[in-house]
Amino acid sequence: MSAKFETNNAHNPLFSQIERPKLEKLITIAEAATALGLPYWQIQRAIKRGALPSYAPFNSRRLVRLSEVVAFINASRRGGV
């Protein structure tokens, strides 16, 4: 006697109750630098110091979330209006 497993998650009540967070797209360091008008090395240095989180899924190149880079820049702002 074999059990039939539901493969379609849309009909599985357990999966329909789980909240799925909206995941922000990960971008390369170069893409983040271009988007913000910053030199590549500034973002890379912040990552190496541990001041900015980065991700390397499947042991690939380093990726960042643009919102985290912007938050890092805003947090390091000094003076001004």
PDB file of N, CA and C in Angstrom:
ATOM      1  N   MET A   1       0.838  -1.166   0.000  1.00  0.00           N
ATOM      2  CA  MET A   1       0.000   0.000   0.000  1.00  0.00           C
ATOM      3  C   MET A   1       0.891   1.240   0.000  1.00  0.00           C
ATOM      4  N   SER A   2       0.773   2.042  -1.001  1.00  0.00           N
ATOM      5  CA  SER A   2       1.619   3.225  -1.085  1.00  0.00           C
ATOM      6  C   SER A   2       0.812   4.472  -0.752  1.00  0.00           C
ATOM      7  N   ALA A   3       1.463   5.397  -0.086  1.00  0.00           N
ATOM      8  CA  ALA A   3       0.804   6.651   0.270  1.00  0.00           C
ATOM      9  C   ALA A   3       0.972   7.640  -0.867  1.00  0.00           C
ATOM     10  N   LYS A   4      -0.080   8.370  -1.143  1.00  0.00           N
ATOM     11  CA  LYS A   4      -0.015   9.388  -2.193  1.00  0.00           C
ATOM     12  C   LYS A   4       0.325  10.721  -1.528  1.00  0.00           C
ATOM     13  N   PHE A   5       1.407  11.325  -1.967  1.00  0.00           N
ATOM     14  CA  PHE A   5       1.824  12.599  -1.409  1.00  0.00           C
ATOM     15  C   PHE A   5       1.377  13.721  -2.328  1.00  0.00           C
ATOM     16  N   GLU A   6       0.902  14.786  -1.714  1.00  0.00           N
ATOM     17  CA  GLU A   6       0.449  15.952  -2.471  1.00  0.00           C
ATOM     18  C   GLU A   6       1.678  16.733  -2.933  1.00  0.00           C
ATOM     19  N   THR A   7       1.823  16.889  -4.231  1.00  0.00           N
ATOM     20  CA  THR A   7       2.976  17.610  -4.758  1.00  0.00           C
ATOM     21  C   THR A   7       2.645  19.051  -5.083  1.00  0.00           C
ATOM     22  N   ASN A   8       1.382  19.375  -5.210  1.00  0.00           N
ATOM     23  CA  ASN A   8       0.984  20.734  -5.525  1.00  0.00           C
ATOM     24  C   ASN A   8       0.764  21.488  -4.219  1.00  0.00           C
ATOM     25  N   ASN A   9       1.619  22.447  -3.915  1.00  0.00           N
ATOM     26  CA  ASN A   9       1.553  23.179  -2.653  1.00  0.00           C
ATOM     27  C   ASN A   9       0.305  24.041  -2.530  1.00  0.00           C
ATOM     28  N   ALA A  10      -0.321  24.395  -3.650  1.00  0.00           N
ATOM     29  CA  ALA A  10      -1.507  25.242  -3.604  1.00  0.00           C
ATOM     30  C   ALA A  10      -2.670  24.543  -2.911  1.00  0.00           C
ATOM     31  N   HIS A  11      -2.711  23.233  -2.949  1.00  0.00           N
ATOM     32  CA  HIS A  11      -3.812  22.486  -2.352  1.00  0.00           C
ATOM     33  C   HIS A  11      -3.467  21.928  -0.976  1.00  0.00           C
ATOM     34  N   ASN A  12      -2.289  22.159  -0.528  1.00  0.00           N
ATOM     35  CA  ASN A  12      -1.862  21.653   0.772  1.00  0.00           C
ATOM     36  C   ASN A  12      -2.179  22.710   1.830  1.00  0.00           C
ATOM     37  N   PRO A  13      -3.059  22.421   2.795  1.00  0.00           N
ATOM     38  CA  PRO A  13      -3.445  23.437   3.779  1.00  0.00           C
ATOM     39  C   PRO A  13      -2.282  23.936   4.627  1.00  0.00           C
ATOM     40  N   LEU A  14      -1.284  23.105   4.858  1.00  0.00           N
ATOM     41  CA  LEU A  14      -0.134  23.533   5.645  1.00  0.00           C
ATOM     42  C   LEU A  14       0.621  24.653   4.935  1.00  0.00           C
ATOM     43  N   PHE A  15       0.840  24.503   3.640  1.00  0.00           N
ATOM     44  CA  PHE A  15       1.577  25.513   2.888  1.00  0.00           C
ATOM     45  C   PHE A  15       0.762  26.781   2.682  1.00  0.00           C
ATOM     46  N   SER A  16      -0.545  26.681   2.647  1.00  0.00           N
ATOM     47  CA  SER A  16      -1.362  27.876   2.443  1.00  0.00           C
ATOM     48  C   SER A  16      -1.392  28.753   3.686  1.00  0.00           C
ATOM     49  N   GLN A  17      -1.064  28.198   4.854  1.00  0.00           N
ATOM     50  CA  GLN A  17      -1.078  28.966   6.097  1.00  0.00           C
ATOM     51  C   GLN A  17       0.256  29.640   6.389  1.00  0.00           C
ATOM     52  N   ILE A  18       1.295  29.247   5.705  1.00  0.00           N
ATOM     53  CA  ILE A  18       2.625  29.798   5.953  1.00  0.00           C
ATOM     54  C   ILE A  18       2.763  31.132   5.231  1.00  0.00           C
ATOM     55  N   GLU A  19       3.187  32.151   5.979  1.00  0.00           N
ATOM     56  CA  GLU A  19       3.438  33.443   5.349  1.00  0.00           C
ATOM     57  C   GLU A  19       4.777  33.398   4.644  1.00  0.00           C
ATOM     58  N   ARG A  20       4.784  33.852   3.435  1.00  0.00           N
ATOM     59  CA  ARG A  20       6.027  33.891   2.663  1.00  0.00           C
ATOM     60  C   ARG A  20       6.502  35.339   2.582  1.00  0.00           C
ATOM     61  N   PRO A  21       7.666  35.636   3.137  1.00  0.00           N
ATOM     62  CA  PRO A  21       8.155  37.014   3.060  1.00  0.00           C
ATOM     63  C   PRO A  21       8.545  37.361   1.628  1.00  0.00           C
ATOM     64  N   LYS A  22       8.359  38.631   1.290  1.00  0.00           N
ATOM     65  CA  LYS A  22       8.789  39.072  -0.032  1.00  0.00           C
ATOM     66  C   LYS A  22      10.305  39.230   0.012  1.00  0.00           C
ATOM     67  N   LEU A  23      10.967  38.511  -0.835  1.00  0.00           N
ATOM     68  CA  LEU A  23      12.423  38.540  -0.845  1.00  0.00           C
ATOM     69  C   LEU A  23      12.909  39.621  -1.792  1.00  0.00           C
ATOM     70  N   GLU A  24      13.827  40.420  -1.296  1.00  0.00           N
ATOM     71  CA  GLU A  24      14.428  41.447  -2.136  1.00  0.00           C
ATOM     72  C   GLU A  24      15.502  40.806  -2.998  1.00  0.00           C
ATOM     73  N   LYS A  25      15.585  41.241  -4.216  1.00  0.00           N
ATOM     74  CA  LYS A  25      16.550  40.695  -5.156  1.00  0.00           C
ATOM     75  C   LYS A  25      17.976  41.017  -4.699  1.00  0.00           C
ATOM     76  N   LEU A  26      18.852  40.048  -4.829  1.00  0.00           N
ATOM     77  CA  LEU A  26      20.270  40.256  -4.548  1.00  0.00           C
ATOM     78  C   LEU A  26      20.953  40.713  -5.825  1.00  0.00           C
ATOM     79  N   ILE A  27      21.853  41.686  -5.689  1.00  0.00           N
ATOM     80  CA  ILE A  27      22.581  42.200  -6.851  1.00  0.00           C
ATOM     81  C   ILE A  27      24.077  42.128  -6.581  1.00  0.00           C
ATOM     82  N   THR A  28      24.865  42.223  -7.641  1.00  0.00           N
ATOM     83  CA  THR A  28      26.316  42.168  -7.485  1.00  0.00           C
ATOM     84  C   THR A  28      26.825  43.475  -6.885  1.00  0.00           C
ATOM     85  N   ILE A  29      28.034  43.431  -6.389  1.00  0.00           N
ATOM     86  CA  ILE A  29      28.652  44.636  -5.835  1.00  0.00           C
ATOM     87  C   ILE A  29      28.781  45.696  -6.923  1.00  0.00           C
ATOM     88  N   ALA A  30      29.139  45.280  -8.124  1.00  0.00           N
ATOM     89  CA  ALA A  30      29.278  46.221  -9.237  1.00  0.00           C
ATOM     90  C   ALA A  30      27.944  46.882  -9.577  1.00  0.00           C
ATOM     91  N   GLU A  31      26.861  46.112  -9.562  1.00  0.00           N
ATOM     92  CA  GLU A  31      25.535  46.678  -9.845  1.00  0.00           C
ATOM     93  C   GLU A  31      25.128  47.685  -8.774  1.00  0.00           C
ATOM     94  N   ALA A  32      25.420  47.376  -7.516  1.00  0.00           N
ATOM     95  CA  ALA A  32      25.104  48.297  -6.422  1.00  0.00           C
ATOM     96  C   ALA A  32      25.926  49.577  -6.550  1.00  0.00           C
ATOM     97  N   ALA A  33      27.194  49.437  -6.881  1.00  0.00           N
ATOM     98  CA  ALA A  33      28.061  50.603  -7.039  1.00  0.00           C
ATOM     99  C   ALA A  33      27.570  51.497  -8.175  1.00  0.00           C
ATOM    100  N   THR A  34      27.192  50.895  -9.284  1.00  0.00           N
ATOM    101  CA  THR A  34      26.685  51.660 -10.425  1.00  0.00           C
ATOM    102  C   THR A  34      25.379  52.360 -10.067  1.00  0.00           C
ATOM    103  N   ALA A  35      24.477  51.660  -9.395  1.00  0.00           N
ATOM    104  CA  ALA A  35      23.175  52.226  -9.040  1.00  0.00           C
ATOM    105  C   ALA A  35      23.313  53.418  -8.099  1.00  0.00           C
ATOM    106  N   LEU A  36      24.308  53.389  -7.225  1.00  0.00           N
ATOM    107  CA  LEU A  36      24.482  54.448  -6.234  1.00  0.00           C
ATOM    108  C   LEU A  36      25.551  55.464  -6.615  1.00  0.00           C
ATOM    109  N   GLY A  37      26.238  55.235  -7.723  1.00  0.00           N
ATOM    110  CA  GLY A  37      27.287  56.153  -8.151  1.00  0.00           C
ATOM    111  C   GLY A  37      28.504  56.127  -7.248  1.00  0.00           C
ATOM    112  N   LEU A  38      28.810  54.962  -6.708  1.00  0.00           N
ATOM    113  CA  LEU A  38      29.959  54.799  -5.816  1.00  0.00           C
ATOM    114  C   LEU A  38      31.022  53.945  -6.478  1.00  0.00           C
ATOM    115  N   PRO A  39      32.280  54.096  -6.055  1.00  0.00           N
ATOM    116  CA  PRO A  39      33.309  53.179  -6.538  1.00  0.00           C
ATOM    117  C   PRO A  39      33.081  51.775  -5.984  1.00  0.00           C
ATOM    118  N   TYR A  40      33.387  50.790  -6.780  1.00  0.00           N
ATOM    119  CA  TYR A  40      33.242  49.374  -6.419  1.00  0.00           C
ATOM    120  C   TYR A  40      33.980  49.069  -5.126  1.00  0.00           C
ATOM    121  N   TRP A  41      35.191  49.589  -4.994  1.00  0.00           N
ATOM    122  CA  TRP A  41      36.036  49.239  -3.863  1.00  0.00           C
ATOM    123  C   TRP A  41      35.467  49.720  -2.533  1.00  0.00           C
ATOM    124  N   GLN A  42      34.671  50.806  -2.535  1.00  0.00           N
ATOM    125  CA  GLN A  42      34.104  51.285  -1.270  1.00  0.00           C
ATOM    126  C   GLN A  42      33.109  50.277  -0.694  1.00  0.00           C
ATOM    127  N   ILE A  43      32.291  49.708  -1.556  1.00  0.00           N
ATOM    128  CA  ILE A  43      31.337  48.701  -1.095  1.00  0.00           C
ATOM    129  C   ILE A  43      32.080  47.437  -0.681  1.00  0.00           C
ATOM    130  N   GLN A  44      33.072  47.056  -1.472  1.00  0.00           N
ATOM    131  CA  GLN A  44      33.847  45.853  -1.172  1.00  0.00           C
ATOM    132  C   GLN A  44      34.583  46.003   0.168  1.00  0.00           C
ATOM    133  N   ARG A  45      35.117  47.172   0.447  1.00  0.00           N
ATOM    134  CA  ARG A  45      35.830  47.402   1.708  1.00  0.00           C
ATOM    135  C   ARG A  45      34.878  47.301   2.901  1.00  0.00           C
ATOM    136  N   ALA A  46      33.672  47.853   2.759  1.00  0.00           N
ATOM    137  CA  ALA A  46      32.686  47.768   3.844  1.00  0.00           C
ATOM    138  C   ALA A  46      32.305  46.314   4.126  1.00  0.00           C
ATOM    139  N   ILE A  47      32.234  45.501   3.084  1.00  0.00           N
ATOM    140  CA  ILE A  47      31.924  44.080   3.253  1.00  0.00           C
ATOM    141  C   ILE A  47      33.070  43.375   3.973  1.00  0.00           C
ATOM    142  N   LYS A  48      34.303  43.647   3.568  1.00  0.00           N
ATOM    143  CA  LYS A  48      35.464  42.995   4.188  1.00  0.00           C
ATOM    144  C   LYS A  48      35.615  43.370   5.657  1.00  0.00           C
ATOM    145  N   ARG A  49      35.235  44.608   6.017  1.00  0.00           N
ATOM    146  CA  ARG A  49      35.303  45.046   7.416  1.00  0.00           C
ATOM    147  C   ARG A  49      34.174  44.468   8.251  1.00  0.00           C
ATOM    148  N   GLY A  50      33.162  43.905   7.589  1.00  0.00           N
ATOM    149  CA  GLY A  50      32.017  43.355   8.304  1.00  0.00           C
ATOM    150  C   GLY A  50      30.940  44.383   8.591  1.00  0.00           C
ATOM    151  N   ALA A  51      31.075  45.568   8.024  1.00  0.00           N
ATOM    152  CA  ALA A  51      30.100  46.630   8.250  1.00  0.00           C
ATOM    153  C   ALA A  51      28.869  46.494   7.361  1.00  0.00           C
ATOM    154  N   LEU A  52      28.978  45.726   6.303  1.00  0.00           N
ATOM    155  CA  LEU A  52      27.886  45.556   5.346  1.00  0.00           C
ATOM    156  C   LEU A  52      27.708  44.070   5.069  1.00  0.00           C
ATOM    157  N   PRO A  53      26.497  43.545   5.259  1.00  0.00           N
ATOM    158  CA  PRO A  53      26.293  42.114   5.000  1.00  0.00           C
ATOM    159  C   PRO A  53      26.339  41.793   3.512  1.00  0.00           C
ATOM    160  N   SER A  54      26.867  40.626   3.200  1.00  0.00           N
ATOM    161  CA  SER A  54      26.872  40.155   1.813  1.00  0.00           C
ATOM    162  C   SER A  54      26.506  38.681   1.815  1.00  0.00           C
ATOM    163  N   TYR A  55      26.174  38.194   0.656  1.00  0.00           N
ATOM    164  CA  TYR A  55      25.701  36.820   0.512  1.00  0.00           C
ATOM    165  C   TYR A  55      26.442  36.161  -0.639  1.00  0.00           C
ATOM    166  N   ALA A  56      26.755  34.893  -0.474  1.00  0.00           N
ATOM    167  CA  ALA A  56      27.414  34.123  -1.534  1.00  0.00           C
ATOM    168  C   ALA A  56      26.668  32.802  -1.695  1.00  0.00           C
ATOM    169  N   PRO A  57      25.477  32.854  -2.304  1.00  0.00           N
ATOM    170  CA  PRO A  57      24.713  31.613  -2.447  1.00  0.00           C
ATOM    171  C   PRO A  57      25.424  30.628  -3.359  1.00  0.00           C
ATOM    172  N   PHE A  58      25.413  29.388  -2.952  1.00  0.00           N
ATOM    173  CA  PHE A  58      26.024  28.318  -3.739  1.00  0.00           C
ATOM    174  C   PHE A  58      27.488  28.600  -4.045  1.00  0.00           C
ATOM    175  N   ASN A  59      28.159  29.307  -3.107  1.00  0.00           N
ATOM    176  CA  ASN A  59      29.580  29.609  -3.232  1.00  0.00           C
ATOM    177  C   ASN A  59      29.887  30.412  -4.497  1.00  0.00           C
ATOM    178  N   SER A  60      28.988  31.321  -4.835  1.00  0.00           N
ATOM    179  CA  SER A  60      29.190  32.138  -6.031  1.00  0.00           C
ATOM    180  C   SER A  60      29.775  33.487  -5.639  1.00  0.00           C
ATOM    181  N   ARG A  61      29.732  34.413  -6.536  1.00  0.00           N
ATOM    182  CA  ARG A  61      30.257  35.750  -6.254  1.00  0.00           C
ATOM    183  C   ARG A  61      29.443  36.433  -5.165  1.00  0.00           C
ATOM    184  N   ARG A  62      30.036  37.430  -4.538  1.00  0.00           N
ATOM    185  CA  ARG A  62      29.391  38.149  -3.443  1.00  0.00           C
ATOM    186  C   ARG A  62      28.237  38.991  -3.974  1.00  0.00           C
ATOM    187  N   LEU A  63      27.105  38.900  -3.268  1.00  0.00           N
ATOM    188  CA  LEU A  63      25.917  39.659  -3.629  1.00  0.00           C
ATOM    189  C   LEU A  63      25.471  40.480  -2.427  1.00  0.00           C
ATOM    190  N   VAL A  64      24.775  41.581  -2.685  1.00  0.00           N
ATOM    191  CA  VAL A  64      24.271  42.452  -1.626  1.00  0.00           C
ATOM    192  C   VAL A  64      22.823  42.818  -1.927  1.00  0.00           C
ATOM    193  N   ARG A  65      22.144  43.304  -0.901  1.00  0.00           N
ATOM    194  CA  ARG A  65      20.810  43.876  -1.092  1.00  0.00           C
ATOM    195  C   ARG A  65      20.989  45.383  -1.192  1.00  0.00           C
ATOM    196  N   LEU A  66      20.405  45.984  -2.200  1.00  0.00           N
ATOM    197  CA  LEU A  66      20.553  47.420  -2.414  1.00  0.00           C
ATOM    198  C   LEU A  66      20.052  48.201  -1.199  1.00  0.00           C
ATOM    199  N   SER A  67      18.969  47.754  -0.597  1.00  0.00           N
ATOM    200  CA  SER A  67      18.425  48.458   0.575  1.00  0.00           C
ATOM    201  C   SER A  67      19.416  48.444   1.742  1.00  0.00           C
ATOM    202  N   GLU A  68      20.181  47.361   1.892  1.00  0.00           N
ATOM    203  CA  GLU A  68      21.168  47.292   2.973  1.00  0.00           C
ATOM    204  C   GLU A  68      22.348  48.220   2.696  1.00  0.00           C
ATOM    205  N   VAL A  69      22.714  48.371   1.436  1.00  0.00           N
ATOM    206  CA  VAL A  69      23.798  49.296   1.087  1.00  0.00           C
ATOM    207  C   VAL A  69      23.349  50.729   1.365  1.00  0.00           C
ATOM    208  N   VAL A  70      22.121  51.066   0.965  1.00  0.00           N
ATOM    209  CA  VAL A  70      21.588  52.409   1.201  1.00  0.00           C
ATOM    210  C   VAL A  70      21.481  52.675   2.701  1.00  0.00           C
ATOM    211  N   ALA A  71      21.012  51.696   3.473  1.00  0.00           N
ATOM    212  CA  ALA A  71      20.912  51.854   4.928  1.00  0.00           C
ATOM    213  C   ALA A  71      22.293  52.058   5.551  1.00  0.00           C
ATOM    214  N   PHE A  72      23.295  51.335   5.053  1.00  0.00           N
ATOM    215  CA  PHE A  72      24.666  51.490   5.552  1.00  0.00           C
ATOM    216  C   PHE A  72      25.173  52.907   5.281  1.00  0.00           C
ATOM    217  N   ILE A  73      24.910  53.414   4.086  1.00  0.00           N
ATOM    218  CA  ILE A  73      25.351  54.769   3.730  1.00  0.00           C
ATOM    219  C   ILE A  73      24.654  55.797   4.616  1.00  0.00           C
ATOM    220  N   ASN A  74      23.347  55.656   4.799  1.00  0.00           N
ATOM    221  CA  ASN A  74      22.601  56.593   5.642  1.00  0.00           C
ATOM    222  C   ASN A  74      23.079  56.554   7.089  1.00  0.00           C
ATOM    223  N   ALA A  75      23.422  55.387   7.589  1.00  0.00           N
ATOM    224  CA  ALA A  75      23.893  55.252   8.971  1.00  0.00           C
ATOM    225  C   ALA A  75      25.276  55.865   9.165  1.00  0.00           C
ATOM    226  N   SER A  76      26.067  55.917   8.113  1.00  0.00           N
ATOM    227  CA  SER A  76      27.426  56.447   8.237  1.00  0.00           C
ATOM    228  C   SER A  76      27.502  57.930   7.881  1.00  0.00           C
ATOM    229  N   ARG A  77      26.370  58.550   7.660  1.00  0.00           N
ATOM    230  CA  ARG A  77      26.331  59.970   7.294  1.00  0.00           C
ATOM    231  C   ARG A  77      26.788  60.824   8.467  1.00  0.00           C
ATOM    232  N   ARG A  78      27.576  61.847   8.163  1.00  0.00           N
ATOM    233  CA  ARG A  78      28.081  62.757   9.194  1.00  0.00           C
ATOM    234  C   ARG A  78      27.725  64.189   8.827  1.00  0.00           C
ATOM    235  N   GLY A  79      27.259  64.936   9.791  1.00  0.00           N
ATOM    236  CA  GLY A  79      27.014  66.363   9.613  1.00  0.00           C
ATOM    237  C   GLY A  79      26.006  66.686   8.525  1.00  0.00           C
ATOM    238  N   GLY A  80      26.018  67.933   8.109  1.00  0.00           N
ATOM    239  CA  GLY A  80      25.122  68.368   7.045  1.00  0.00           C
ATOM    240  C   GLY A  80      23.721  68.626   7.552  1.00  0.00           C
ATOM    241  N   VAL A  81      22.874  68.908   6.629  1.00  0.00           N
ATOM    242  CA  VAL A  81      21.489  69.240   6.978  1.00  0.00           C
ATOM    243  C   VAL A  81      20.608  68.035   6.885  1.00  0.00           C
TER     244      VAL A  81
END
